[in-house]
Structure formats: C-alpha cells, structure tokens
Protein backbone atom coordinates (compact mmCIF):
# COMPACT_ATOMS: atom_id res chain seq x y z
CA MET A 1 35.56 99.39 41.13
CA GLY A 2 38.76 98.29 39.68
CA CYS A 3 42.10 99.99 39.18
CA ASN A 4 42.38 100.17 42.84
CA LYS A 5 39.54 102.16 43.98
CA LYS A 6 38.36 100.45 46.65
CA ASP A 7 34.81 102.07 47.16
CA ASN A 8 33.12 99.12 46.51
CA LYS A 9 32.51 96.71 49.25
CA TYR A 10 32.56 93.68 47.12
CA GLY A 11 35.92 94.53 45.11
CA SER A 12 36.37 95.49 41.56
CA CYS A 13 34.08 94.81 38.86
CA VAL A 14 37.13 92.75 37.26
CA ALA A 15 37.15 90.20 40.39
CA GLU A 16 33.30 90.31 40.02
CA VAL A 17 33.57 89.33 36.45
CA VAL A 18 36.58 86.75 36.82
CA ARG A 19 34.27 85.06 39.76
CA ALA A 20 31.51 84.69 37.14
CA ILE A 21 33.38 82.92 34.49
CA ARG A 22 34.60 80.58 37.36
CA ASP A 23 30.86 80.03 38.31
CA ILE A 24 30.08 79.55 34.86
CA GLN A 25 33.06 77.01 33.93
CA ASP A 26 31.75 75.17 37.05
CA GLN A 27 28.29 74.88 36.19
CA VAL A 28 29.29 72.79 32.55
CA ARG A 29 26.66 70.50 31.59
CA GLU A 30 26.27 68.36 28.70
CA ASP A 31 22.70 69.03 28.06
CA ASP A 32 22.96 72.85 27.64
CA ASP A 33 22.15 74.51 24.32
CA CYS A 34 24.26 77.12 23.20
CA ASP A 35 23.13 80.82 22.44
CA CYS A 36 25.14 83.31 20.73
CA GLY A 37 26.84 86.44 22.28
CA SER A 38 29.81 88.14 23.54
CA ASN A 39 29.30 89.33 27.49
CA CYS A 40 31.31 87.44 30.12
CA PHE A 41 28.45 87.05 32.24
CA LEU A 42 26.55 85.05 29.41
CA GLU A 43 25.31 81.48 30.31
CA PRO A 44 25.67 78.72 29.98
CA ILE A 45 29.06 78.65 28.88
CA GLY A 46 29.72 77.46 24.91
CA ALA A 47 27.62 80.85 24.63
CA ILE A 48 30.37 82.49 23.17
CA SER A 49 31.86 79.78 20.79
CA PRO A 50 31.81 81.01 17.53
CA LYS A 51 29.81 79.52 14.90
CA ARG A 52 32.03 79.03 11.45
CA GLY A 53 30.56 77.01 8.41
CA LYS A 54 30.01 73.48 8.43
CA LYS A 55 29.19 71.93 11.82
CA LYS A 56 31.99 69.65 13.15
CA LYS A 57 30.90 67.66 16.06
CA ILE A 58 33.26 69.08 19.03
CA ARG A 59 33.34 68.62 22.82
CA ARG A 60 31.28 70.69 24.75
CA PRO A 61 33.35 73.65 26.08
CA ASN A 62 34.76 73.77 29.33
CA THR A 63 36.93 76.86 29.61
CA ARG A 64 35.80 80.90 28.62
CA VAL A 65 39.43 82.45 27.79
CA PHE A 66 39.88 86.00 28.37
CA THR A 67 42.50 89.10 28.69
CA LEU A 68 43.00 91.29 31.30
CA SER A 69 44.02 95.15 30.71
CA THR A 70 46.32 97.08 32.95
CA ALA A 71 45.61 100.74 34.07
CA ASP A 72 46.99 102.13 30.83
CA GLY A 73 45.16 99.84 28.56
CA SER A 74 47.53 97.55 27.77
CA PRO A 75 47.07 93.21 27.81
CA PHE A 76 48.32 91.70 30.95
CA HIS A 77 50.62 89.15 30.19
CA ALA A 78 52.44 86.11 31.32
CA PHE A 79 55.19 83.89 30.88
CA LEU A 80 55.04 80.40 29.59
CA THR A 81 57.87 77.50 30.32
CA ASN A 82 58.24 74.47 28.45
CA VAL A 83 57.43 75.74 25.07
CA ASP A 84 59.41 74.41 21.96
CA ASP A 85 60.57 77.94 20.75
CA CYS A 86 61.30 81.28 21.98
CA SER A 87 57.44 82.48 22.04
CA CYS A 88 57.10 82.24 25.74
CA THR A 89 54.48 84.92 26.21
CA SER A 90 50.83 84.69 26.46
CA ILE A 91 47.77 87.29 27.42
CA PHE A 92 44.94 84.69 27.40
CA PHE A 93 43.83 82.91 30.83
CA ARG A 94 41.38 80.13 32.66
CA VAL A 95 40.39 80.85 35.68
CA GLU A 96 41.06 78.34 38.15
CA GLU A 97 40.37 79.27 41.82
CA ILE A 98 39.01 82.32 43.14
CA PHE A 99 40.36 83.49 46.83
CA ASP A 100 40.58 86.21 49.55
CA ASN A 101 37.70 87.70 47.43
CA SER A 102 39.75 89.64 44.72
CA CYS A 103 42.58 87.03 43.84
CA ALA A 104 42.81 84.43 41.71
CA THR A 105 44.94 81.59 40.20
CA LEU A 106 44.96 82.13 36.49
CA ARG A 107 46.20 79.27 34.05
CA VAL A 108 48.25 80.68 31.28
CA LEU A 109 46.57 79.51 27.94
CA GLU A 110 49.51 79.13 25.11
CA PRO A 111 48.24 80.70 21.81
CA VAL A 112 49.07 78.71 18.47
CA THR A 113 48.44 79.41 14.69
CA GLU A 114 47.81 76.73 11.94
CA THR A 115 51.03 76.52 9.95
CA ASP A 116 49.70 73.70 7.76
CA PRO A 117 46.33 71.85 7.71
CA GLY A 118 46.05 70.52 11.10
CA CYS A 119 49.70 71.87 12.12
CA PHE A 120 50.13 74.18 15.10
CA GLU A 121 52.87 76.16 16.77
CA THR A 122 52.86 78.66 19.54
CA ALA A 123 52.06 81.85 18.40
CA ASP A 124 54.63 84.61 18.67
CA ILE A 125 52.52 87.81 20.01
CA THR A 126 55.37 90.09 20.48
CA GLU A 127 57.61 92.38 18.79
CA GLY A 128 60.92 92.96 20.07
CA CYS A 129 59.83 93.26 24.28
CA CYS A 130 56.50 94.21 23.76
CA ILE A 131 52.94 92.61 22.84
CA ASP A 132 52.07 93.05 19.10
CA LEU A 133 48.47 93.94 18.90
CA SER A 134 48.50 92.92 15.14
CA LYS A 135 49.63 89.24 15.89
CA ILE A 136 46.91 88.45 18.43
CA CYS A 137 44.35 88.76 15.67
CA LYS A 138 46.30 85.79 14.22
CA VAL A 139 46.15 83.44 16.95
CA ASP A 140 43.97 80.44 15.72
CA GLY A 141 43.44 78.48 18.80
CA PHE A 142 45.09 77.63 22.56
CA ARG A 143 46.63 74.89 24.26
CA SER A 144 46.70 74.34 28.08
CA SER A 145 49.97 74.96 29.80
CA GLU A 146 51.27 73.74 33.11
CA ASN A 147 51.89 77.13 34.18
CA CYS A 148 49.39 79.06 36.48
CA ILE A 149 49.95 82.26 37.80
CA SER A 150 48.33 84.16 41.32
CA VAL A 151 47.02 87.46 40.45
CA ASP A 152 45.08 90.63 42.93
CA LEU A 153 42.38 91.07 40.29
CA ASP A 154 41.76 94.36 41.97
CA CYS A 155 45.17 95.41 39.78
CA PHE A 156 43.14 95.79 36.64
CA CYS A 157 40.81 97.61 34.75
CA ALA A 158 39.01 95.68 31.90
CA VAL A 159 38.44 92.03 31.48
CA GLN A 160 37.40 90.83 27.98
CA CYS A 161 36.16 87.31 27.42
CA ILE A 162 37.56 85.52 23.98
CA GLN A 163 35.76 82.35 23.48
CA ASP A 164 34.42 79.46 25.02
CA ILE A 165 36.08 76.48 24.20
CA TYR A 166 37.00 72.60 25.33
CA LEU A 167 40.31 72.64 26.90
CA PRO A 168 41.98 69.29 28.48
CA ILE A 169 43.28 70.75 31.62
CA ASP A 170 44.77 67.55 33.22
CA ASN A 171 47.41 67.54 30.16
CA CYS A 172 48.69 69.65 27.07
CA VAL A 173 46.22 68.57 24.32
CA GLU A 174 45.30 71.28 21.60
CA TYR A 175 42.21 72.81 21.18
CA PHE A 176 41.02 73.96 17.50
CA GLU A 177 37.63 74.62 15.98
CA ASP A 178 36.84 74.54 12.39
C-alpha cells in the first residue's frame, strides 16, 4: 500500500481514498441528510461538515477538502497563482479526476482567514520556506482556484479529510461557514 510499496494489486490506500472522495463528490444529491463523522469514506457528502451554533442556510456541499502527507509526514503543498498577495502556497485540495488507476488531477484550494466580519484574505500558512503547522489551524475557509496539479497518488502515505463544503468550481467565489 502507499509510500511506493507496490504489493497491493489495486494501488495504494491513498489512491483508494481519493477515488472514494471523487465518487462521493459525484453522487451529491439535494435530498440527502447529513450525519456526523470524520472518516474520508463517510457518505453522503456533507457528513464531515461541522455543526456550529445557529443553523444558517448554506448550499449543499459538493467538495470534500483534504490534505496529503509525504513519506516523511510533512504536508504536500502546491503553489497558487493569481492571488493578491505573496501567500501563494496551499496544502488543501479537491479531487477533480482520477486516471490510470493511481493518478489524479487535484484543484488547489486557496486557504483564507477572516480579517474583519465578512472580509476574508488569503491565509499565509508558511514561515520562511516551510509550511507552518500552527498557521493551518487559523484557516477559516477556502476559495476555489484555477490551479490544478496532476499527482501520482502512490507517492503519498496519508490522506486527511478536513471538511465538506459547497465550492463554486466554475469561478473563484468564496465559501465560508458560520
């Protein structure tokens, strides 16, 4: 399984999880009820959506945000282009396509933080040249980007599902949940 161990005839466990995430995203239906949980295999999409305070009418989730870890345990990252400031790195992804059994096209999601009520800006999750794990906890939401990356899923050792969200994919509209 994973970390380039080719003993699994079906590919790595990371590839299996990312394929499952893609299948769950593809099966979004408006009439499904959401349950609680945090397992990447949890269905329907929306099951990993946090329940906070008052219920606010939000759009039905269509994206399972996740991160990938490399063999040394560090978060895999990709670069964002066309962001307004110098914060151009993200560790958050949405699966767009699976091909050749263990390769995938991932959309890079732009992490954002709330600076004032209703005002959001790109979150800087780096310190110098490295991902700063303490800054990741301060991410308040995600924006779709036009940046995609093709990856070999057999090169990763772990996948962590973060949250189910509604994310307009055709444009770069923000998503935030109260």
